[in-house]
Amino acid sequence: MSKSDADEKILSYNDVVLRRSDLDILSGPYFLNDRIIEFYFSYLSSCYSSQDILLVPPSIAFWIMKCPVIEALKDFLDPLHLTDKTLVIFPINDNDDVSIAEGGSHWSLLAYYRNANLFVHHDSTISMNKEPAKQLYNAVVKYMGLSEAASEAKFVECSDSPKQVNGYDCGLYVTAIAGVICSWYVNGENSDTNNLWFSAVKEQVTPSFVAGMRSKILALIRDLMARQ
């Protein structure tokens, strides 16, 4: 495939533009890029259209984590209305070089749940992304809008999070876990702040379920392409 063919725009969905090369990534055993994760997060936002939920695009999460001027972060975060959200989901990438677009080699997920005053890190490879997840947590925790009486939200590593069985499905685990957490919240399973979504994620996000996410996202994109 030529570079021009690979860069061909195939779908505009909300604020996300997908290209021909994204279909190739989904068709084979490849590491997901930012666009595919942003697309699926946007799709989940449309499916679970609750004002309480925010799924943060990868580029925004990365900028929060790497913001060079701390004083500028508040103005950048204000449009996200974090203080109004009960559930916030961030994709975490281990890219250390801000000059490289779509760098890094591993994805994980950081979820904030206000009712439990907690950030939970789900990593499909044992704690590989703990440091970048903690970096994002440290950058954003003071902007979550807790009451003066509340203590700062805690960060926990979910040791029981489903683990990938190959070297390239980490992004699919992020999309799968994000979907399960949103479903858990919207379907009213969130009354017990001691249990949270952990059992739902463990039961549903199996290797076979995650493997099916490739064809699921690919079919979704092709369906939306046919409609436009």
C-alpha atoms as a PDB file:
ATOM      1  CA  MET A   1       0.000   0.000   0.000  1.00  0.00           C
ATOM      2  CA  SER A   2       1.401   3.424  -0.921  1.00  0.00           C
ATOM      3  CA  LYS A   3       1.722   6.181   1.667  1.00  0.00           C
ATOM      4  CA  SER A   4      -1.085   8.139   0.007  1.00  0.00           C
ATOM      5  CA  ASP A   5      -3.376   5.107   0.149  1.00  0.00           C
ATOM      6  CA  ALA A   6      -2.505   4.497   3.803  1.00  0.00           C
ATOM      7  CA  ASP A   7      -3.299   8.130   4.650  1.00  0.00           C
ATOM      8  CA  GLU A   8      -6.654   8.095   2.862  1.00  0.00           C
ATOM      9  CA  LYS A   9      -9.461   9.273   5.140  1.00  0.00           C
ATOM     10  CA  ILE A  10     -12.095   6.586   5.438  1.00  0.00           C
ATOM     11  CA  LEU A  11     -14.335   7.804   8.257  1.00  0.00           C
ATOM     12  CA  SER A  12     -15.107  10.934  10.258  1.00  0.00           C
ATOM     13  CA  TYR A  13     -16.841  10.060  13.507  1.00  0.00           C
ATOM     14  CA  ASN A  14     -17.561  12.855  15.970  1.00  0.00           C
ATOM     15  CA  ASP A  15     -14.135  14.517  16.243  1.00  0.00           C
ATOM     16  CA  VAL A  16     -12.138  11.464  15.129  1.00  0.00           C
ATOM     17  CA  VAL A  17     -10.806  10.905  11.607  1.00  0.00           C
ATOM     18  CA  LEU A  18      -9.786   7.347  10.720  1.00  0.00           C
ATOM     19  CA  ARG A  19      -7.492   6.426   7.839  1.00  0.00           C
ATOM     20  CA  ARG A  20      -7.017   3.372   5.627  1.00  0.00           C
ATOM     21  CA  SER A  21      -3.968   2.299   7.649  1.00  0.00           C
ATOM     22  CA  ASP A  22      -6.159   1.961  10.749  1.00  0.00           C
ATOM     23  CA  LEU A  23      -8.091  -0.848   9.067  1.00  0.00           C
ATOM     24  CA  ASP A  24      -4.811  -2.669   8.436  1.00  0.00           C
ATOM     25  CA  ILE A  25      -3.921  -2.408  12.131  1.00  0.00           C
ATOM     26  CA  LEU A  26      -7.256  -3.927  13.093  1.00  0.00           C
ATOM     27  CA  SER A  27      -6.987  -6.634  10.448  1.00  0.00           C
ATOM     28  CA  GLY A  28      -3.731  -8.019  11.823  1.00  0.00           C
ATOM     29  CA  PRO A  29      -2.031  -8.710  15.135  1.00  0.00           C
ATOM     30  CA  TYR A  30      -0.758  -5.166  15.612  1.00  0.00           C
ATOM     31  CA  PHE A  31      -0.410  -2.626  18.428  1.00  0.00           C
ATOM     32  CA  LEU A  32      -3.363  -0.201  18.441  1.00  0.00           C
ATOM     33  CA  ASN A  33      -2.623   3.435  17.683  1.00  0.00           C
ATOM     34  CA  ASP A  34      -4.076   6.563  19.276  1.00  0.00           C
ATOM     35  CA  ARG A  35      -6.734   7.030  16.574  1.00  0.00           C
ATOM     36  CA  ILE A  36      -8.337   3.633  17.055  1.00  0.00           C
ATOM     37  CA  ILE A  37      -8.514   4.024  20.832  1.00  0.00           C
ATOM     38  CA  GLU A  38      -9.860   7.570  20.472  1.00  0.00           C
ATOM     39  CA  PHE A  39     -12.467   6.316  18.018  1.00  0.00           C
ATOM     40  CA  TYR A  40     -13.654   3.558  20.330  1.00  0.00           C
ATOM     41  CA  PHE A  41     -13.735   5.885  23.344  1.00  0.00           C
ATOM     42  CA  SER A  42     -15.839   8.296  21.271  1.00  0.00           C
ATOM     43  CA  TYR A  43     -18.132   5.422  20.320  1.00  0.00           C
ATOM     44  CA  LEU A  44     -18.509   4.410  23.980  1.00  0.00           C
ATOM     45  CA  SER A  45     -19.327   8.030  24.844  1.00  0.00           C
ATOM     46  CA  SER A  46     -22.139   7.913  22.285  1.00  0.00           C
ATOM     47  CA  CYS A  47     -23.419   4.571  23.602  1.00  0.00           C
ATOM     48  CA  TYR A  48     -23.263   5.593  27.251  1.00  0.00           C
ATOM     49  CA  SER A  49     -24.347   9.202  26.896  1.00  0.00           C
ATOM     50  CA  SER A  50     -24.272  10.006  30.595  1.00  0.00           C
ATOM     51  CA  GLN A  51     -23.149  13.478  31.655  1.00  0.00           C
ATOM     52  CA  ASP A  52     -21.408  11.759  34.576  1.00  0.00           C
ATOM     53  CA  ILE A  53     -18.943   9.860  32.369  1.00  0.00           C
ATOM     54  CA  LEU A  54     -15.861  11.181  30.596  1.00  0.00           C
ATOM     55  CA  LEU A  55     -13.637   9.055  28.364  1.00  0.00           C
ATOM     56  CA  VAL A  56     -10.494  11.088  27.769  1.00  0.00           C
ATOM     57  CA  PRO A  57      -8.843  10.865  24.304  1.00  0.00           C
ATOM     58  CA  PRO A  58      -5.273   9.496  24.284  1.00  0.00           C
ATOM     59  CA  SER A  59      -3.737  12.781  23.094  1.00  0.00           C
ATOM     60  CA  ILE A  60      -5.388  14.709  25.935  1.00  0.00           C
ATOM     61  CA  ALA A  61      -4.347  12.151  28.546  1.00  0.00           C
ATOM     62  CA  PHE A  62      -0.779  12.250  27.224  1.00  0.00           C
ATOM     63  CA  TRP A  63      -0.664  16.051  27.321  1.00  0.00           C
ATOM     64  CA  ILE A  64      -1.927  16.076  30.915  1.00  0.00           C
ATOM     65  CA  MET A  65       0.789  13.601  31.865  1.00  0.00           C
ATOM     66  CA  LYS A  66       3.573  15.508  30.088  1.00  0.00           C
ATOM     67  CA  CYS A  67       2.396  19.122  30.519  1.00  0.00           C
ATOM     68  CA  PRO A  68       5.636  21.172  30.657  1.00  0.00           C
ATOM     69  CA  VAL A  69       4.065  24.152  32.458  1.00  0.00           C
ATOM     70  CA  ILE A  70       2.140  23.135  35.571  1.00  0.00           C
ATOM     71  CA  GLU A  71       0.483  26.554  35.789  1.00  0.00           C
ATOM     72  CA  ALA A  72      -1.108  25.999  32.357  1.00  0.00           C
ATOM     73  CA  LEU A  73      -2.721  22.713  33.318  1.00  0.00           C
ATOM     74  CA  LYS A  74      -5.748  24.190  35.103  1.00  0.00           C
ATOM     75  CA  ASP A  75      -6.828  26.226  32.070  1.00  0.00           C
ATOM     76  CA  PHE A  76      -6.349  23.186  29.867  1.00  0.00           C
ATOM     77  CA  LEU A  77      -8.445  20.958  32.156  1.00  0.00           C
ATOM     78  CA  ASP A  78     -11.318  23.402  32.689  1.00  0.00           C
ATOM     79  CA  PRO A  79     -13.153  22.453  29.431  1.00  0.00           C
ATOM     80  CA  LEU A  80     -13.176  18.799  30.546  1.00  0.00           C
ATOM     81  CA  HIS A  81     -15.390  19.704  33.544  1.00  0.00           C
ATOM     82  CA  LEU A  82     -13.709  17.059  35.682  1.00  0.00           C
ATOM     83  CA  THR A  83     -15.435  18.321  38.804  1.00  0.00           C
ATOM     84  CA  ASP A  84     -18.821  17.366  37.305  1.00  0.00           C
ATOM     85  CA  LYS A  85     -17.849  13.806  36.406  1.00  0.00           C
ATOM     86  CA  THR A  86     -18.439  10.718  38.522  1.00  0.00           C
ATOM     87  CA  LEU A  87     -16.487   8.364  36.263  1.00  0.00           C
ATOM     88  CA  VAL A  88     -13.414   9.410  34.268  1.00  0.00           C
ATOM     89  CA  ILE A  89     -11.371   6.992  32.143  1.00  0.00           C
ATOM     90  CA  PHE A  90      -7.863   7.813  30.905  1.00  0.00           C
ATOM     91  CA  PRO A  91      -5.810   5.732  28.445  1.00  0.00           C
ATOM     92  CA  ILE A  92      -2.165   5.551  29.548  1.00  0.00           C
ATOM     93  CA  ASN A  93       0.741   5.265  27.110  1.00  0.00           C
ATOM     94  CA  ASP A  94       4.385   4.729  28.099  1.00  0.00           C
ATOM     95  CA  ASN A  95       5.780   7.114  25.479  1.00  0.00           C
ATOM     96  CA  ASP A  96       8.576   9.167  27.070  1.00  0.00           C
ATOM     97  CA  ASP A  97       9.353  11.366  24.070  1.00  0.00           C
ATOM     98  CA  VAL A  98       6.835  14.161  23.518  1.00  0.00           C
ATOM     99  CA  SER A  99       8.386  14.893  20.107  1.00  0.00           C
ATOM    100  CA  ILE A 100       7.313  11.494  18.742  1.00  0.00           C
ATOM    101  CA  ALA A 101       3.677  11.237  17.690  1.00  0.00           C
ATOM    102  CA  GLU A 102       2.038   7.917  18.512  1.00  0.00           C
ATOM    103  CA  GLY A 103       5.156   6.632  20.257  1.00  0.00           C
ATOM    104  CA  GLY A 104       5.336   4.188  23.125  1.00  0.00           C
ATOM    105  CA  SER A 105       4.961   0.428  23.263  1.00  0.00           C
ATOM    106  CA  HIS A 106       2.279  -0.236  25.889  1.00  0.00           C
ATOM    107  CA  TRP A 107      -1.261   0.890  26.770  1.00  0.00           C
ATOM    108  CA  SER A 108      -3.066   0.654  30.093  1.00  0.00           C
ATOM    109  CA  LEU A 109      -6.114   2.317  31.660  1.00  0.00           C
ATOM    110  CA  LEU A 110      -6.611   4.597  34.653  1.00  0.00           C
ATOM    111  CA  ALA A 111     -10.187   4.980  35.928  1.00  0.00           C
ATOM    112  CA  TYR A 112     -11.367   7.526  38.494  1.00  0.00           C
ATOM    113  CA  TYR A 113     -14.568   6.863  40.431  1.00  0.00           C
ATOM    114  CA  ARG A 114     -15.736   9.800  42.516  1.00  0.00           C
ATOM    115  CA  ASN A 115     -18.087   7.855  44.809  1.00  0.00           C
ATOM    116  CA  ALA A 116     -15.148   5.803  46.045  1.00  0.00           C
ATOM    117  CA  ASN A 117     -12.666   8.717  45.828  1.00  0.00           C
ATOM    118  CA  LEU A 118     -10.309   6.390  43.992  1.00  0.00           C
ATOM    119  CA  PHE A 119      -8.086   6.077  40.908  1.00  0.00           C
ATOM    120  CA  VAL A 120      -7.672   2.477  39.721  1.00  0.00           C
ATOM    121  CA  HIS A 121      -4.952   1.420  37.296  1.00  0.00           C
ATOM    122  CA  HIS A 122      -5.655  -1.575  35.037  1.00  0.00           C
ATOM    123  CA  ASP A 123      -2.535  -2.907  33.319  1.00  0.00           C
ATOM    124  CA  SER A 124      -2.658  -6.027  31.136  1.00  0.00           C
ATOM    125  CA  THR A 125       1.094  -6.540  31.696  1.00  0.00           C
ATOM    126  CA  ILE A 126       1.992  -6.614  35.378  1.00  0.00           C
ATOM    127  CA  SER A 127       2.532  -2.987  36.465  1.00  0.00           C
ATOM    128  CA  MET A 128       4.469  -2.143  33.291  1.00  0.00           C
ATOM    129  CA  ASN A 129       2.756   1.256  33.087  1.00  0.00           C
ATOM    130  CA  LYS A 130       2.594   2.004  36.796  1.00  0.00           C
ATOM    131  CA  GLU A 131       4.999   4.954  36.588  1.00  0.00           C
ATOM    132  CA  PRO A 132       3.244   6.792  33.706  1.00  0.00           C
ATOM    133  CA  ALA A 133      -0.109   6.074  35.383  1.00  0.00           C
ATOM    134  CA  LYS A 134       1.166   7.587  38.625  1.00  0.00           C
ATOM    135  CA  GLN A 135       2.493  10.539  36.626  1.00  0.00           C
ATOM    136  CA  LEU A 136      -0.968  11.258  35.224  1.00  0.00           C
ATOM    137  CA  TYR A 137      -2.580  10.702  38.626  1.00  0.00           C
ATOM    138  CA  ASN A 138      -0.206  13.181  40.278  1.00  0.00           C
ATOM    139  CA  ALA A 139      -0.898  15.750  37.552  1.00  0.00           C
ATOM    140  CA  VAL A 140      -4.697  15.544  37.676  1.00  0.00           C
ATOM    141  CA  VAL A 141      -5.687  14.527  41.217  1.00  0.00           C
ATOM    142  CA  LYS A 142      -5.819  18.058  42.617  1.00  0.00           C
ATOM    143  CA  TYR A 143      -8.219  19.132  39.857  1.00  0.00           C
ATOM    144  CA  MET A 144     -10.949  16.554  40.523  1.00  0.00           C
ATOM    145  CA  GLY A 145     -12.951  18.986  42.673  1.00  0.00           C
ATOM    146  CA  LEU A 146     -13.104  17.190  46.003  1.00  0.00           C
ATOM    147  CA  SER A 147     -14.707  18.924  48.951  1.00  0.00           C
ATOM    148  CA  GLU A 148     -12.426  20.488  51.540  1.00  0.00           C
ATOM    149  CA  ALA A 149     -13.425  17.773  54.016  1.00  0.00           C
ATOM    150  CA  ALA A 150     -12.482  14.949  51.646  1.00  0.00           C
ATOM    151  CA  SER A 151      -8.993  13.504  51.567  1.00  0.00           C
ATOM    152  CA  GLU A 152      -7.088  13.377  48.278  1.00  0.00           C
ATOM    153  CA  ALA A 153      -8.214  10.531  46.026  1.00  0.00           C
ATOM    154  CA  LYS A 154      -6.025   7.451  46.341  1.00  0.00           C
ATOM    155  CA  PHE A 155      -4.233   5.537  43.583  1.00  0.00           C
ATOM    156  CA  VAL A 156      -4.433   1.742  43.538  1.00  0.00           C
ATOM    157  CA  GLU A 157      -2.909  -0.818  41.201  1.00  0.00           C
ATOM    158  CA  CYS A 158      -5.481  -3.491  40.317  1.00  0.00           C
ATOM    159  CA  SER A 159      -3.367  -6.620  40.761  1.00  0.00           C
ATOM    160  CA  ASP A 160      -6.269  -8.812  39.632  1.00  0.00           C
ATOM    161  CA  SER A 161      -6.718  -7.047  36.294  1.00  0.00           C
ATOM    162  CA  PRO A 162      -6.894  -9.376  33.237  1.00  0.00           C
ATOM    163  CA  LYS A 163      -3.496 -10.063  31.641  1.00  0.00           C
ATOM    164  CA  GLN A 164      -2.699 -10.211  27.947  1.00  0.00           C
ATOM    165  CA  VAL A 165      -1.346 -13.416  26.416  1.00  0.00           C
ATOM    166  CA  ASN A 166       0.719 -11.802  23.645  1.00  0.00           C
ATOM    167  CA  GLY A 167       2.809  -8.720  22.999  1.00  0.00           C
ATOM    168  CA  TYR A 168       0.355  -6.574  21.031  1.00  0.00           C
ATOM    169  CA  ASP A 169      -3.171  -6.660  22.522  1.00  0.00           C
ATOM    170  CA  CYS A 170      -2.682  -4.099  25.326  1.00  0.00           C
ATOM    171  CA  GLY A 171      -4.762  -1.478  23.494  1.00  0.00           C
ATOM    172  CA  LEU A 172      -7.581  -3.953  23.020  1.00  0.00           C
ATOM    173  CA  TYR A 173      -7.575  -4.611  26.765  1.00  0.00           C
ATOM    174  CA  VAL A 174      -7.968  -0.864  27.289  1.00  0.00           C
ATOM    175  CA  THR A 175     -10.989  -0.723  24.972  1.00  0.00           C
ATOM    176  CA  ALA A 176     -12.554  -3.842  26.484  1.00  0.00           C
ATOM    177  CA  ILE A 177     -12.078  -2.777  30.101  1.00  0.00           C
ATOM    178  CA  ALA A 178     -13.355   0.734  29.358  1.00  0.00           C
ATOM    179  CA  GLY A 179     -16.529  -0.748  27.878  1.00  0.00           C
ATOM    180  CA  VAL A 180     -17.130  -3.027  30.862  1.00  0.00           C
ATOM    181  CA  ILE A 181     -16.617  -0.189  33.354  1.00  0.00           C
ATOM    182  CA  CYS A 182     -19.044   2.091  31.486  1.00  0.00           C
ATOM    183  CA  SER A 183     -21.646  -0.685  31.343  1.00  0.00           C
ATOM    184  CA  TRP A 184     -21.152  -1.386  35.058  1.00  0.00           C
ATOM    185  CA  TYR A 185     -21.799   2.253  35.861  1.00  0.00           C
ATOM    186  CA  VAL A 186     -24.731   2.928  33.525  1.00  0.00           C
ATOM    187  CA  ASN A 187     -26.527  -0.298  34.415  1.00  0.00           C
ATOM    188  CA  GLY A 188     -26.688   0.671  38.077  1.00  0.00           C
ATOM    189  CA  GLU A 189     -24.196  -1.826  39.456  1.00  0.00           C
ATOM    190  CA  ASN A 190     -22.293   0.969  41.180  1.00  0.00           C
ATOM    191  CA  SER A 191     -24.060   1.099  44.551  1.00  0.00           C
ATOM    192  CA  ASP A 192     -21.379  -0.927  46.363  1.00  0.00           C
ATOM    193  CA  THR A 193     -18.244   1.225  46.540  1.00  0.00           C
ATOM    194  CA  ASN A 194     -16.328  -1.661  48.107  1.00  0.00           C
ATOM    195  CA  ASN A 195     -16.739  -3.916  45.063  1.00  0.00           C
ATOM    196  CA  LEU A 196     -16.627  -1.482  42.164  1.00  0.00           C
ATOM    197  CA  TRP A 197     -16.277  -2.996  38.676  1.00  0.00           C
ATOM    198  CA  PHE A 198     -13.473  -5.453  39.470  1.00  0.00           C
ATOM    199  CA  SER A 199     -15.487  -8.668  39.337  1.00  0.00           C
ATOM    200  CA  ALA A 200     -17.247  -7.580  36.117  1.00  0.00           C
ATOM    201  CA  VAL A 201     -13.906  -6.879  34.440  1.00  0.00           C
ATOM    202  CA  LYS A 202     -12.397 -10.156  35.636  1.00  0.00           C
ATOM    203  CA  GLU A 203     -15.371 -12.205  34.438  1.00  0.00           C
ATOM    204  CA  GLN A 204     -15.917 -10.513  31.088  1.00  0.00           C
ATOM    205  CA  VAL A 205     -12.478  -9.461  29.837  1.00  0.00           C
ATOM    206  CA  THR A 206     -11.115 -12.857  28.854  1.00  0.00           C
ATOM    207  CA  PRO A 207      -8.444 -13.473  26.176  1.00  0.00           C
ATOM    208  CA  SER A 208     -11.101 -14.686  23.730  1.00  0.00           C
ATOM    209  CA  PHE A 209     -13.298 -11.643  24.426  1.00  0.00           C
ATOM    210  CA  VAL A 210     -10.346  -9.319  23.852  1.00  0.00           C
ATOM    211  CA  ALA A 211      -9.329 -11.132  20.665  1.00  0.00           C
ATOM    212  CA  GLY A 212     -12.850 -10.532  19.371  1.00  0.00           C
ATOM    213  CA  MET A 213     -12.498  -6.794  19.944  1.00  0.00           C
ATOM    214  CA  ARG A 214     -10.455  -6.470  16.727  1.00  0.00           C
ATOM    215  CA  SER A 215     -13.229  -7.819  14.521  1.00  0.00           C
ATOM    216  CA  LYS A 216     -15.845  -5.959  16.587  1.00  0.00           C
ATOM    217  CA  ILE A 217     -14.191  -2.557  16.118  1.00  0.00           C
ATOM    218  CA  LEU A 218     -13.420  -3.311  12.475  1.00  0.00           C
ATOM    219  CA  ALA A 219     -17.045  -4.271  11.790  1.00  0.00           C
ATOM    220  CA  LEU A 220     -18.229  -1.128  13.585  1.00  0.00           C
ATOM    221  CA  ILE A 221     -15.999   1.084  11.439  1.00  0.00           C
ATOM    222  CA  ARG A 222     -17.128  -0.598   8.224  1.00  0.00           C
ATOM    223  CA  ASP A 223     -20.766  -0.254   9.235  1.00  0.00           C
ATOM    224  CA  LEU A 224     -20.315   3.462   9.910  1.00  0.00           C
ATOM    225  CA  MET A 225     -18.447   3.847   6.601  1.00  0.00           C
ATOM    226  CA  ALA A 226     -21.375   2.276   4.761  1.00  0.00           C
ATOM    227  CA  ARG A 227     -23.762   4.751   6.364  1.00  0.00           C
ATOM    228  CA  GLN A 228     -21.862   7.951   5.601  1.00  0.00           C
END
